[in-house]
Amino acid sequence: MPLLGRRSSVRTALALAPPSSSHAEDAWRFSEPHSGQRSRSAFLETCANPGCRSGWLHLWRQRTAPFFEEGWTCSPLCTEARIAAAVSRELSGREMARPVHRHRVPIGLLLLEQGWITQAQLKRALEAQKAAGSGRVGQWLMGQSALDEDRLTRALGLQWSCPVLSLEHFDPAALTGVMPRLFIDAYGALPLRVAAGRLLYLGFEEALDPVLALALERMTGLRVESGVVRSSQFRNAHARMLDARFPSVELIEAVSEPAAAHALARSVERARPGAARLVRIHDCLWLRMWERPGSDGQPGAGWARDLVCSIGL
């Protein structure tokens, strides 16, 4: 089932959410295009659509936007062709990008190997888990006072070969522009902070999501460092993040790949952005559009808009 179908309550909340305050406007800074754009004139640009048949006639058009993935398009038809190619590119990589199951060392054996629990304690936890038919071994060990949360978190870091991240300098209001609220809720992700304007720390409670991390890198231009956070800290911080005011997002459900390309192209033509980018996150397409930078080439104090598209394949 598509993500948006599973998250109807989130979809409604996002569709009605008003744009956030200045905190969210500052947060967009993390994800502005890093193409070194400057003011452009359509008279000096060549249409980025390889199949464009306008020829020299487009030079006479008073059309300075939109720009999509570093290229200007001279007409709505060319915009749709460019976006259709991008949609095809993202969806064609979907099967290859499916996470490959890695046979990680079971957390119980890892804890046993580290000497943090005994065989008898592990046996009791496994028996309790089997009898209940639910729960994770680590939680059962904690419930039986055989393990503390710090060691469980360290074990998860060893299991995923990732760091244990802290909540130092965590400010939800300053991070709402990193990605739409929908993704934070659906994928259990928590943007923690941006360091030196180049590195985004992304926290998870138990299992990392490399697909989401890669999409964020492609969209924001930041390097993403994923890690685990102590469960009790994560849940509190995640709730605070979801309670923050996010910029509004437009949600689209398309019946096919061509329908998705058409809907996204219409949105780009309406907005006429100075920059736009498309990435896939699992079963969703994420389009972000930015207002054109100022004449000095610096990011303006204008808008950035998100669209999330689910395709009913």
Protein backbone atom coordinates (compact mmCIF):
# COMPACT_ATOMS: atom_id res chain seq x y z
CA MET A 1 0.00 0.00 0.00
CA PRO A 2 1.40 3.46 -0.86
CA LEU A 3 2.77 5.53 1.95
CA LEU A 4 0.14 8.25 1.59
CA GLY A 5 -2.60 5.67 1.86
CA ARG A 6 -1.23 4.43 5.15
CA ARG A 7 -0.90 7.96 6.48
CA SER A 8 -4.26 9.54 5.74
CA SER A 9 -4.35 11.41 9.05
CA VAL A 10 -0.90 12.85 8.40
CA ARG A 11 -1.93 13.75 4.86
CA THR A 12 -4.92 15.73 6.11
CA ALA A 13 -2.89 17.54 8.74
CA LEU A 14 -0.20 18.50 6.27
CA ALA A 15 -2.62 19.63 3.62
CA LEU A 16 -4.23 22.03 6.08
CA ALA A 17 -1.07 23.16 7.86
CA PRO A 18 -0.20 26.84 7.36
CA PRO A 19 3.33 27.90 6.54
CA SER A 20 5.53 28.11 9.60
CA SER A 21 7.06 31.12 11.26
CA SER A 22 10.52 32.56 10.72
CA HIS A 23 12.05 29.45 12.29
CA ALA A 24 10.92 27.39 9.33
CA GLU A 25 12.07 30.08 6.91
CA ASP A 26 15.54 29.81 8.42
CA ALA A 27 15.35 26.03 8.16
CA TRP A 28 14.99 26.24 4.39
CA ARG A 29 18.56 27.52 4.33
CA PHE A 30 19.76 23.98 4.96
CA SER A 31 18.32 22.77 1.70
CA GLU A 32 18.76 25.57 -0.79
CA PRO A 33 20.32 24.66 -4.13
CA HIS A 34 24.11 24.62 -4.22
CA SER A 35 24.45 25.22 -7.94
CA GLY A 36 25.98 28.66 -7.68
CA GLN A 37 23.06 30.11 -9.60
CA ARG A 38 22.99 33.71 -10.74
CA SER A 39 20.34 35.80 -12.43
CA ARG A 40 19.61 34.41 -15.84
CA SER A 41 17.98 35.67 -18.97
CA ALA A 42 15.97 33.46 -21.26
CA PHE A 43 17.60 35.25 -24.18
CA LEU A 44 20.91 33.60 -23.25
CA GLU A 45 19.63 30.17 -22.23
CA THR A 46 19.21 26.98 -24.21
CA CYS A 47 16.23 24.80 -23.39
CA ALA A 48 17.31 21.85 -21.24
CA ASN A 49 14.85 19.48 -22.91
CA PRO A 50 16.90 17.39 -25.40
CA GLY A 51 13.78 16.92 -27.53
CA CYS A 52 12.92 20.63 -27.72
CA ARG A 53 11.82 21.65 -31.22
CA SER A 54 11.35 25.36 -30.60
CA GLY A 55 14.69 26.20 -32.14
CA TRP A 56 15.67 29.85 -32.22
CA LEU A 57 12.03 30.98 -31.74
CA HIS A 58 12.27 30.55 -27.97
CA LEU A 59 14.76 33.42 -27.89
CA TRP A 60 11.87 35.83 -28.40
CA ARG A 61 9.86 34.57 -25.45
CA GLN A 62 9.77 36.61 -22.25
CA ARG A 63 10.22 33.52 -20.10
CA THR A 64 12.95 33.40 -17.48
CA ALA A 65 11.68 30.39 -15.52
CA PRO A 66 11.22 27.64 -14.52
CA PHE A 67 14.53 25.94 -13.82
CA PHE A 68 14.42 22.24 -13.03
CA GLU A 69 17.55 20.31 -12.05
CA GLU A 70 19.89 23.02 -13.30
CA GLY A 71 18.14 23.48 -16.64
CA TRP A 72 15.73 26.09 -18.03
CA THR A 73 12.75 24.98 -20.10
CA CYS A 74 11.24 27.14 -22.79
CA SER A 75 7.64 25.89 -22.67
CA PRO A 76 5.19 23.82 -20.61
CA LEU A 77 5.69 20.92 -23.03
CA CYS A 78 9.44 20.96 -22.45
CA THR A 79 8.93 21.22 -18.69
CA GLU A 80 6.74 18.13 -18.71
CA ALA A 81 9.24 16.25 -20.89
CA ARG A 82 12.05 17.05 -18.46
CA ILE A 83 10.03 16.06 -15.42
CA ALA A 84 8.77 12.88 -17.11
CA ALA A 85 12.39 11.87 -17.71
CA ALA A 86 13.23 12.57 -14.06
CA VAL A 87 10.21 10.59 -12.81
CA SER A 88 11.21 7.67 -15.04
CA ARG A 89 14.77 7.87 -13.73
CA GLU A 90 13.65 7.78 -10.10
CA LEU A 91 11.13 4.99 -10.54
CA SER A 92 13.39 2.84 -12.70
CA GLY A 93 15.88 2.70 -9.83
CA ARG A 94 13.25 1.65 -7.33
CA GLU A 95 13.83 -2.09 -7.61
CA MET A 96 17.61 -1.75 -7.53
CA ALA A 97 17.42 0.55 -4.53
CA ARG A 98 15.31 -1.77 -2.40
CA PRO A 99 17.24 -2.41 0.80
CA VAL A 100 19.11 -5.70 0.68
CA HIS A 101 18.61 -7.76 3.80
CA ARG A 102 21.89 -8.00 5.62
CA HIS A 103 22.33 -10.84 8.05
CA ARG A 104 23.33 -8.74 11.03
CA VAL A 105 24.42 -10.37 14.24
CA PRO A 106 21.27 -10.80 16.39
CA ILE A 107 21.22 -8.26 19.17
CA GLY A 108 21.03 -10.96 21.84
CA LEU A 109 24.17 -12.70 20.60
CA LEU A 110 25.95 -9.37 20.28
CA LEU A 111 25.11 -8.48 23.88
CA LEU A 112 26.27 -11.92 24.97
CA GLU A 113 29.52 -11.54 23.04
CA GLN A 114 30.19 -8.20 24.72
CA GLY A 115 29.67 -9.79 28.12
CA TRP A 116 26.79 -7.46 28.94
CA ILE A 117 24.32 -10.30 29.60
CA THR A 118 24.54 -13.98 30.50
CA GLN A 119 23.23 -16.97 28.60
CA ALA A 120 20.60 -17.51 31.30
CA GLN A 121 19.37 -13.91 30.95
CA LEU A 122 19.19 -14.21 27.17
CA LYS A 123 17.29 -17.48 27.44
CA ARG A 124 14.71 -15.96 29.80
CA ALA A 125 14.22 -12.97 27.52
CA LEU A 126 13.76 -15.18 24.45
CA GLU A 127 11.26 -17.37 26.28
CA ALA A 128 9.29 -14.31 27.42
CA GLN A 129 9.32 -12.92 23.90
CA LYS A 130 8.06 -16.22 22.48
CA ALA A 131 5.32 -16.52 25.08
CA ALA A 132 4.11 -12.96 24.47
CA GLY A 133 4.46 -13.20 20.71
CA SER A 134 5.72 -9.62 20.49
CA GLY A 135 8.40 -7.23 21.63
CA ARG A 136 12.11 -7.03 20.97
CA VAL A 137 14.71 -9.02 22.83
CA GLY A 138 16.43 -5.88 24.04
CA GLN A 139 13.23 -4.54 25.55
CA TRP A 140 12.56 -7.84 27.30
CA LEU A 141 16.08 -7.80 28.73
CA MET A 142 15.55 -4.28 30.02
CA GLY A 143 12.17 -5.27 31.48
CA GLN A 144 13.86 -8.11 33.36
CA SER A 145 16.53 -5.70 34.68
CA ALA A 146 19.21 -7.68 32.87
CA LEU A 147 20.29 -4.71 30.74
CA ASP A 148 20.28 -0.92 30.89
CA GLU A 149 19.30 1.41 28.07
CA ASP A 150 22.81 2.77 27.50
CA ARG A 151 24.24 -0.66 26.76
CA LEU A 152 21.30 -1.58 24.55
CA THR A 153 21.84 1.59 22.51
CA ARG A 154 25.57 0.91 22.23
CA ALA A 155 24.77 -2.61 21.05
CA LEU A 156 22.45 -1.24 18.36
CA GLY A 157 25.26 1.03 17.22
CA LEU A 158 27.56 -1.97 16.93
CA GLN A 159 24.88 -3.96 15.12
CA TRP A 160 24.39 -1.20 12.51
CA SER A 161 28.03 -0.05 12.48
CA CYS A 162 26.91 3.50 13.22
CA PRO A 163 27.47 6.10 15.95
CA VAL A 164 25.27 6.72 18.96
CA LEU A 165 24.02 10.28 18.52
CA SER A 166 23.14 12.76 21.23
CA LEU A 167 20.44 15.42 21.37
CA GLU A 168 22.93 18.20 22.00
CA HIS A 169 21.83 21.44 20.28
CA PHE A 170 18.61 19.79 19.09
CA ASP A 171 16.14 22.51 18.10
CA PRO A 172 12.99 21.18 16.36
CA ALA A 173 11.81 24.58 15.13
CA ALA A 174 15.10 25.14 13.30
CA LEU A 175 14.94 21.78 11.50
CA THR A 176 11.43 21.72 10.07
CA GLY A 177 12.71 22.73 6.64
CA VAL A 178 15.03 19.74 6.29
CA MET A 179 12.24 17.43 5.07
CA PRO A 180 8.44 17.21 5.20
CA ARG A 181 6.78 16.15 8.43
CA LEU A 182 5.25 13.19 6.61
CA PHE A 183 8.65 11.52 6.19
CA ILE A 184 9.68 12.14 9.78
CA ASP A 185 6.48 10.48 10.97
CA ALA A 186 6.29 7.61 8.49
CA TYR A 187 9.94 6.53 8.57
CA GLY A 188 10.74 7.18 12.21
CA ALA A 189 13.52 9.62 11.37
CA LEU A 190 14.75 12.52 13.47
CA PRO A 191 16.91 15.33 12.05
CA LEU A 192 19.10 16.33 14.99
CA ARG A 193 21.28 19.22 13.83
CA VAL A 194 23.29 20.62 10.94
CA ALA A 195 27.00 21.06 11.61
CA ALA A 196 29.06 23.70 9.79
CA GLY A 197 26.35 23.99 7.15
CA ARG A 198 27.59 20.76 5.56
CA LEU A 199 26.70 17.77 7.74
CA LEU A 200 23.21 16.66 8.75
CA TYR A 201 22.92 14.30 11.70
CA LEU A 202 19.93 11.98 11.32
CA GLY A 203 18.80 9.84 14.25
CA PHE A 204 16.81 6.61 14.44
CA GLU A 205 15.53 4.61 17.37
CA GLU A 206 16.47 1.10 16.23
CA ALA A 207 17.07 0.54 12.50
CA LEU A 208 18.63 2.97 10.04
CA ASP A 209 16.99 3.94 6.73
CA PRO A 210 19.71 4.32 4.05
CA VAL A 211 17.15 5.10 1.33
CA LEU A 212 15.90 8.13 3.23
CA ALA A 213 19.45 9.24 4.06
CA LEU A 214 20.53 9.08 0.40
CA ALA A 215 17.46 11.03 -0.74
CA LEU A 216 18.21 13.75 1.82
CA GLU A 217 21.79 14.01 0.60
CA ARG A 218 20.63 14.39 -2.99
CA MET A 219 17.97 16.94 -2.11
CA THR A 220 19.86 19.12 0.37
CA GLY A 221 23.45 18.80 -0.79
CA LEU A 222 24.40 17.98 2.81
CA ARG A 223 26.31 14.89 3.86
CA VAL A 224 24.06 12.79 6.09
CA GLU A 225 25.45 10.97 9.11
CA SER A 226 22.93 8.42 10.40
CA GLY A 227 23.02 6.94 13.87
CA VAL A 228 20.94 5.60 16.72
CA VAL A 229 19.59 7.57 19.67
CA ARG A 230 18.65 6.25 23.11
CA SER A 231 15.07 5.07 22.89
CA SER A 232 13.70 7.20 25.72
CA GLN A 233 15.40 10.32 24.35
CA PHE A 234 14.36 9.54 20.79
CA ARG A 235 10.67 9.17 21.57
CA ASN A 236 10.52 12.44 23.47
CA ALA A 237 12.46 14.34 20.79
CA HIS A 238 10.47 12.75 17.96
CA ALA A 239 7.21 13.84 19.60
CA ARG A 240 8.57 17.38 19.97
CA MET A 241 9.62 17.37 16.32
CA LEU A 242 6.17 16.30 15.15
CA ASP A 243 4.57 19.03 17.28
CA ALA A 244 6.65 21.74 15.59
CA ARG A 245 5.13 23.93 12.88
CA PHE A 246 6.25 22.71 9.47
CA PRO A 247 6.01 24.55 6.16
CA SER A 248 2.96 23.40 4.23
CA VAL A 249 3.33 20.64 1.65
CA GLU A 250 1.18 19.70 -1.33
CA LEU A 251 0.25 16.03 -1.58
CA ILE A 252 -0.54 14.38 -4.90
CA GLU A 253 -1.79 10.87 -5.62
CA ALA A 254 -1.35 9.80 -9.24
CA VAL A 255 -2.70 6.69 -10.93
CA SER A 256 0.32 6.19 -13.19
CA GLU A 257 3.83 7.40 -13.96
CA PRO A 258 2.67 9.71 -16.80
CA ALA A 259 -0.05 11.14 -14.55
CA ALA A 260 2.55 11.87 -11.87
CA ALA A 261 4.83 13.62 -14.37
CA HIS A 262 1.92 15.70 -15.67
CA ALA A 263 0.79 16.76 -12.19
CA LEU A 264 4.32 17.68 -11.08
CA ALA A 265 4.96 19.61 -14.31
CA ARG A 266 1.79 21.63 -13.80
CA SER A 267 2.94 22.54 -10.31
CA VAL A 268 6.35 23.62 -11.59
CA GLU A 269 4.75 25.73 -14.33
CA ARG A 270 2.48 27.43 -11.81
CA ALA A 271 5.31 28.19 -9.38
CA ARG A 272 7.98 29.06 -11.99
CA PRO A 273 10.81 28.28 -9.54
CA GLY A 274 14.38 29.44 -9.94
CA ALA A 275 15.47 25.93 -8.96
CA ALA A 276 13.76 22.59 -8.45
CA ARG A 277 14.84 19.05 -7.69
CA LEU A 278 13.16 15.63 -7.65
CA VAL A 279 14.13 12.56 -5.59
CA ARG A 280 12.42 9.32 -4.63
CA ILE A 281 11.96 8.12 -1.06
CA HIS A 282 10.72 4.54 -1.06
CA ASP A 283 7.32 4.69 -2.82
CA CYS A 284 7.06 8.48 -2.94
CA LEU A 285 8.43 11.18 -5.20
CA TRP A 286 9.56 14.36 -3.46
CA LEU A 287 9.74 17.61 -5.46
CA ARG A 288 11.21 20.73 -3.87
CA MET A 289 11.08 24.14 -5.55
CA TRP A 290 12.99 27.28 -4.60
CA GLU A 291 12.38 30.91 -5.47
CA ARG A 292 14.96 32.43 -7.76
CA PRO A 293 18.11 33.78 -6.03
CA GLY A 294 18.69 37.52 -6.09
CA SER A 295 20.82 39.38 -8.59
CA ASP A 296 23.86 38.94 -6.33
CA GLY A 297 23.55 35.17 -6.65
CA GLN A 298 22.73 34.76 -2.96
CA PRO A 299 19.61 32.90 -1.75
CA GLY A 300 16.66 35.23 -1.47
CA ALA A 301 14.34 35.55 1.50
CA GLY A 302 11.50 34.07 -0.52
CA TRP A 303 9.79 30.73 -0.60
CA ALA A 304 10.55 27.09 -0.99
CA ARG A 305 7.77 24.56 -1.62
CA ASP A 306 7.47 20.81 -1.26
CA LEU A 307 5.29 18.37 -3.16
CA VAL A 308 5.03 14.68 -2.29
CA CYS A 309 3.57 12.37 -4.91
CA SER A 310 2.38 8.81 -4.40
CA ILE A 311 1.82 6.62 -7.45
CA GLY A 312 -0.75 3.84 -7.38
CA LEU A 313 1.21 1.29 -9.42
